[in-house]
Amino acid sequence: MTEDRQDGPLGFDPEDDEPARPSAAQRLAANDETEAPEGVRPPLRRSGLPSGVSRYGWFLGVVLVLVLALVTINSFNTEGVSSRGLEPGTPAPSFAAPLASSDLEGDVNVATKADQGSAGDVPACSIRRPDVLTLCALTDEAPVVLAFFATRGGSCVDELDVVQAVARRHPDVRFAAISIRGDRDGLRELIERRGWDFPIGYDNDGVLANLYGVAVCPQIAYIKRGGETFDTTLGKLGVAELDRYVNALKDGRRRVGETTP
């Protein structure tokens, strides 16, 4: 990184904060012939993000997926089996996201090293600010329960009330959430109205939904201290169910119901 470069608070050159919409010819050259919905920026294939991951690839039809998935999801939750999300034992992708309640604007930094283009110009783990949710800052201290949700889904929103209730039972675990796109002002009002006091990051363009394999709303990732993925649950959980997963995370059991080796 050159000395005269003035990186923004999320580790991006201010000139790169708002990428330009590619032309039709550019989309065809990138094998992307699909038109994005009106008002939504299309996928941009730029260097820096992991192979197969687009900042804008998470589709807006998550509610439809939820309707289809919740028909069978309860059996997965009961058995502690997840069909999507991060693989247990793999590193949880690091990130630095603007806190939804803050005035900080910008895309989520997901860089693992310096000068990674659209992922970020500085490593996400190096960003420690009071208006930023940085995963490494959480996993350095304790295991983490990270919920992904969309404000348009009633089940998603209600699940954060469950997260709030369970968080009070486990002061030795860090609880956080990521709101995927949507209206940020409405999100701020929702946070205040519901009284959620755990940190909530704002995934402006859906990059974390891609990196964490979010296919159902709500979806919760359980991450060990140090950043290793422990498990993922899909769909709505009750207080007792979520509490069992958190206890398993703390005890190091591979799945709910298993004993520690």
Protein backbone atom coordinates (compact mmCIF):
# COMPACT_ATOMS: atom_id res chain seq x y z
CA MET A 1 0.00 0.00 0.00
CA THR A 2 1.42 3.35 -1.03
CA GLU A 3 2.13 5.94 1.61
CA ASP A 4 -0.14 8.58 0.03
CA ARG A 5 -3.16 6.31 -0.03
CA GLN A 6 -5.89 7.41 2.38
CA ASP A 7 -7.88 4.33 3.26
CA GLY A 8 -11.42 4.70 4.53
CA PRO A 9 -12.49 3.42 7.95
CA LEU A 10 -13.33 -0.01 6.51
CA GLY A 11 -10.02 -0.35 4.71
CA PHE A 12 -11.08 0.76 1.23
CA ASP A 13 -9.69 3.55 -0.89
CA PRO A 14 -12.46 6.20 -0.85
CA GLU A 15 -12.35 6.22 -4.65
CA ASP A 16 -13.35 2.54 -4.67
CA ASP A 17 -16.24 2.78 -2.22
CA GLU A 18 -18.91 2.87 -4.93
CA PRO A 19 -18.10 0.58 -7.88
CA ALA A 20 -19.51 1.51 -11.27
CA ARG A 21 -22.24 -0.56 -12.95
CA PRO A 22 -20.66 -2.72 -15.71
CA SER A 23 -21.89 -2.39 -19.26
CA ALA A 24 -23.81 -5.16 -21.03
CA ALA A 25 -20.65 -6.03 -22.96
CA GLN A 26 -18.68 -6.33 -19.72
CA ARG A 27 -21.32 -8.60 -18.22
CA LEU A 28 -21.30 -10.81 -21.30
CA ALA A 29 -17.51 -10.97 -21.20
CA ALA A 30 -17.74 -12.10 -17.59
CA ASN A 31 -20.36 -14.76 -18.50
CA ASP A 32 -22.98 -12.86 -16.56
CA GLU A 33 -25.98 -12.31 -18.80
CA THR A 34 -28.60 -11.95 -16.08
CA GLU A 35 -30.12 -8.58 -15.34
CA ALA A 36 -30.31 -7.52 -11.72
CA PRO A 37 -33.66 -6.34 -10.34
CA GLU A 38 -34.33 -2.63 -10.75
CA GLY A 39 -32.33 -0.59 -8.25
CA VAL A 40 -29.99 -3.48 -7.35
CA ARG A 41 -26.37 -3.40 -8.44
CA PRO A 42 -25.37 -6.46 -10.50
CA PRO A 43 -22.51 -8.84 -9.66
CA LEU A 44 -19.06 -7.35 -10.20
CA ARG A 45 -16.28 -9.84 -10.80
CA ARG A 46 -13.31 -8.03 -9.35
CA SER A 47 -10.10 -9.32 -7.87
CA GLY A 48 -9.82 -9.90 -4.14
CA LEU A 49 -12.84 -12.02 -3.26
CA PRO A 50 -12.54 -15.81 -3.02
CA SER A 51 -13.22 -17.78 -6.19
CA GLY A 52 -16.93 -18.17 -6.86
CA VAL A 53 -17.94 -15.40 -4.45
CA SER A 54 -19.58 -12.20 -5.67
CA ARG A 55 -20.30 -9.18 -3.52
CA TYR A 56 -23.74 -8.97 -5.08
CA GLY A 57 -24.61 -12.59 -5.72
CA TRP A 58 -26.97 -13.26 -2.81
CA PHE A 59 -30.41 -13.27 -4.37
CA LEU A 60 -33.29 -11.23 -3.02
CA GLY A 61 -35.75 -14.13 -2.98
CA VAL A 62 -34.72 -15.37 0.45
CA VAL A 63 -38.31 -15.28 1.67
CA LEU A 64 -39.34 -17.78 -1.02
CA VAL A 65 -36.48 -20.05 -0.02
CA LEU A 66 -37.58 -19.73 3.59
CA VAL A 67 -41.12 -20.85 2.75
CA LEU A 68 -39.81 -23.95 0.97
CA ALA A 69 -37.08 -24.76 3.45
CA LEU A 70 -39.04 -24.43 6.67
CA VAL A 71 -41.28 -27.31 5.65
CA THR A 72 -38.46 -29.75 6.38
CA ILE A 73 -36.04 -27.71 8.45
CA ASN A 74 -37.25 -28.78 11.90
CA SER A 75 -35.81 -32.27 11.47
CA PHE A 76 -32.40 -30.77 10.69
CA ASN A 77 -32.53 -28.54 13.76
CA THR A 78 -33.58 -31.33 16.10
CA GLU A 79 -30.73 -33.55 15.02
CA GLY A 80 -28.19 -30.76 14.95
CA VAL A 81 -27.50 -31.28 11.26
CA SER A 82 -27.08 -28.44 8.81
CA SER A 83 -27.37 -28.82 5.07
CA ARG A 84 -25.93 -25.39 4.24
CA GLY A 85 -23.48 -22.95 5.72
CA LEU A 86 -19.87 -23.38 6.73
CA GLU A 87 -18.39 -26.83 7.17
CA PRO A 88 -17.58 -27.66 10.80
CA GLY A 89 -13.85 -27.42 11.43
CA THR A 90 -13.24 -24.80 8.73
CA PRO A 91 -12.19 -21.21 9.52
CA ALA A 92 -15.05 -18.74 9.72
CA PRO A 93 -14.41 -15.95 7.19
CA SER A 94 -13.11 -12.85 8.92
CA PHE A 95 -14.89 -9.56 8.34
CA ALA A 96 -15.30 -5.98 9.50
CA ALA A 97 -18.85 -4.69 9.00
CA PRO A 98 -20.39 -1.32 9.82
CA LEU A 99 -22.58 -1.51 12.90
CA ALA A 100 -26.18 -1.10 11.78
CA SER A 101 -26.83 1.52 14.46
CA SER A 102 -23.80 3.64 13.48
CA ASP A 103 -23.48 6.34 10.82
CA LEU A 104 -20.60 4.54 9.13
CA GLU A 105 -21.27 3.77 5.47
CA GLY A 106 -19.53 1.26 3.24
CA ASP A 107 -19.30 -2.36 2.18
CA VAL A 108 -18.06 -5.09 4.50
CA ASN A 109 -14.30 -5.66 4.51
CA VAL A 110 -13.52 -9.37 4.09
CA ALA A 111 -9.81 -9.14 3.30
CA THR A 112 -7.40 -11.57 4.92
CA LYS A 113 -4.31 -9.58 3.91
CA ALA A 114 -3.41 -6.16 2.53
CA ASP A 115 -4.32 -4.94 -0.95
CA GLN A 116 -7.02 -7.46 -1.83
CA GLY A 117 -8.99 -5.20 -4.13
CA SER A 118 -12.75 -5.50 -3.67
CA ALA A 119 -12.27 -7.57 -0.51
CA GLY A 120 -10.45 -4.67 1.17
CA ASP A 121 -7.13 -2.85 1.22
CA VAL A 122 -6.26 -3.82 4.79
CA PRO A 123 -6.97 -7.08 6.65
CA ALA A 124 -10.43 -7.10 8.21
CA CYS A 125 -8.96 -8.33 11.50
CA SER A 126 -6.86 -5.17 11.77
CA ILE A 127 -9.92 -2.92 11.92
CA ARG A 128 -10.94 -2.20 15.50
CA ARG A 129 -13.40 0.68 15.82
CA PRO A 130 -16.43 1.28 18.03
CA ASP A 131 -18.66 1.63 14.95
CA VAL A 132 -17.46 -1.60 13.32
CA LEU A 133 -18.29 -5.24 14.06
CA THR A 134 -15.05 -7.19 13.59
CA LEU A 135 -15.32 -10.97 13.90
CA CYS A 136 -11.73 -11.42 15.06
CA ALA A 137 -12.32 -9.04 17.97
CA LEU A 138 -15.11 -11.37 19.12
CA THR A 139 -13.44 -14.74 18.54
CA ASP A 140 -10.21 -13.56 20.17
CA GLU A 141 -12.10 -13.40 23.46
CA ALA A 142 -14.76 -16.12 23.40
CA PRO A 143 -16.88 -18.44 21.26
CA VAL A 144 -19.35 -16.61 19.04
CA VAL A 145 -22.97 -17.10 18.03
CA LEU A 146 -23.55 -15.21 14.78
CA ALA A 147 -27.11 -14.91 13.44
CA PHE A 148 -27.92 -13.92 9.85
CA PHE A 149 -31.29 -12.38 9.11
CA ALA A 150 -33.28 -10.18 6.74
CA THR A 151 -35.67 -7.56 8.06
CA ARG A 152 -38.43 -8.51 5.60
CA GLY A 153 -38.81 -11.98 7.10
CA GLY A 154 -40.96 -12.15 10.23
CA SER A 155 -39.37 -15.42 11.37
CA CYS A 156 -35.93 -13.86 10.93
CA VAL A 157 -36.78 -10.87 13.06
CA ASP A 158 -38.45 -12.94 15.78
CA GLU A 159 -35.40 -15.19 16.01
CA LEU A 160 -33.31 -12.26 17.20
CA ASP A 161 -35.62 -11.99 20.20
CA VAL A 162 -34.65 -15.60 20.96
CA VAL A 163 -30.97 -14.71 20.53
CA GLN A 164 -31.44 -11.83 22.96
CA ALA A 165 -33.01 -14.11 25.58
CA VAL A 166 -30.32 -16.78 25.28
CA ALA A 167 -27.47 -14.23 25.27
CA ARG A 168 -28.44 -13.17 28.78
CA ARG A 169 -27.84 -16.74 29.97
CA HIS A 170 -24.29 -16.92 28.55
CA PRO A 171 -22.12 -13.92 29.44
CA ASP A 172 -19.06 -15.99 28.48
CA VAL A 173 -20.20 -16.21 24.84
CA ARG A 174 -20.28 -13.35 22.32
CA PHE A 175 -23.56 -12.94 20.44
CA ALA A 176 -23.86 -10.88 17.27
CA ALA A 177 -25.96 -10.67 14.13
CA ILE A 178 -25.67 -9.64 10.50
CA SER A 179 -28.53 -7.93 8.69
CA ILE A 180 -28.41 -8.77 4.99
CA ARG A 181 -29.13 -5.76 2.82
CA GLY A 182 -32.54 -4.11 3.22
CA ASP A 183 -33.43 -0.64 4.48
CA ARG A 184 -30.93 0.48 7.09
CA ASP A 185 -33.10 3.20 8.61
CA GLY A 186 -35.85 0.65 9.12
CA LEU A 187 -33.29 -1.69 10.65
CA ARG A 188 -32.20 0.97 13.14
CA GLU A 189 -35.80 1.54 14.18
CA LEU A 190 -36.31 -2.20 14.55
CA ILE A 191 -33.23 -2.55 16.78
CA GLU A 192 -34.46 0.24 19.04
CA ARG A 193 -38.02 -1.06 19.15
CA ARG A 194 -37.02 -4.64 19.96
CA GLY A 195 -34.32 -3.62 22.42
CA TRP A 196 -31.58 -5.83 20.98
CA ASP A 197 -28.35 -4.95 22.77
CA PHE A 198 -25.91 -7.30 21.02
CA PRO A 199 -23.92 -5.89 18.07
CA ILE A 200 -25.58 -6.07 14.66
CA GLY A 201 -23.55 -5.54 11.51
CA TYR A 202 -24.96 -4.34 8.20
CA ASP A 203 -24.10 -6.41 5.12
CA ASN A 204 -24.73 -3.73 2.54
CA ASP A 205 -24.16 -5.83 -0.58
CA GLY A 206 -24.64 -9.41 0.63
CA VAL A 207 -21.00 -10.53 0.55
CA LEU A 208 -21.21 -12.19 3.98
CA ALA A 209 -24.34 -14.07 2.95
CA ASN A 210 -22.24 -15.58 0.16
CA LEU A 211 -19.18 -16.30 2.26
CA TYR A 212 -21.22 -17.95 5.02
CA GLY A 213 -23.47 -19.89 2.64
CA VAL A 214 -26.68 -18.29 3.89
CA ALA A 215 -29.59 -20.05 2.18
CA VAL A 216 -32.32 -19.81 4.81
CA CYS A 217 -33.44 -16.95 7.00
CA PRO A 218 -32.71 -17.04 9.89
CA GLN A 219 -29.42 -18.93 9.87
CA ILE A 220 -26.98 -19.11 12.79
CA ALA A 221 -23.26 -19.88 12.72
CA TYR A 222 -21.56 -21.17 15.88
CA ILE A 223 -17.87 -20.31 15.98
CA LYS A 224 -15.28 -21.49 18.47
CA ARG A 225 -12.91 -19.15 20.21
CA GLY A 226 -10.10 -18.60 17.72
CA GLY A 227 -12.38 -18.63 14.67
CA GLU A 228 -13.04 -22.29 13.83
CA THR A 229 -16.56 -23.18 12.69
CA PHE A 230 -18.39 -25.40 15.13
CA ASP A 231 -21.83 -25.77 13.57
CA THR A 232 -24.66 -24.06 11.68
CA THR A 233 -28.41 -24.17 12.23
CA LEU A 234 -31.08 -23.31 9.67
CA GLY A 235 -34.49 -21.88 10.37
CA LYS A 236 -36.20 -20.81 13.53
CA LEU A 237 -35.10 -22.12 16.94
CA GLY A 238 -36.78 -21.74 20.30
CA VAL A 239 -35.00 -20.56 23.41
CA ALA A 240 -34.42 -24.11 24.70
CA GLU A 241 -33.09 -25.31 21.34
CA LEU A 242 -30.70 -22.39 20.89
CA ASP A 243 -29.56 -22.77 24.49
CA ARG A 244 -28.60 -26.40 23.79
CA TYR A 245 -26.51 -25.37 20.80
CA VAL A 246 -24.74 -22.69 22.80
CA ASN A 247 -23.96 -25.15 25.59
CA ALA A 248 -22.61 -27.60 23.03
CA LEU A 249 -20.42 -24.85 21.56
CA LYS A 250 -19.03 -24.05 25.00
CA ASP A 251 -18.46 -27.70 25.89
CA GLY A 252 -16.82 -28.56 22.56
CA ARG A 253 -19.30 -31.24 21.52
CA ARG A 254 -19.35 -31.72 17.78
CA ARG A 255 -23.16 -31.80 17.64
CA VAL A 256 -26.00 -31.32 20.05
CA GLY A 257 -26.52 -34.56 21.97
CA GLU A 258 -22.95 -35.81 21.53
CA THR A 259 -20.60 -36.19 24.45
CA THR A 260 -17.21 -34.53 24.54
CA PRO A 261 -14.50 -36.99 23.38
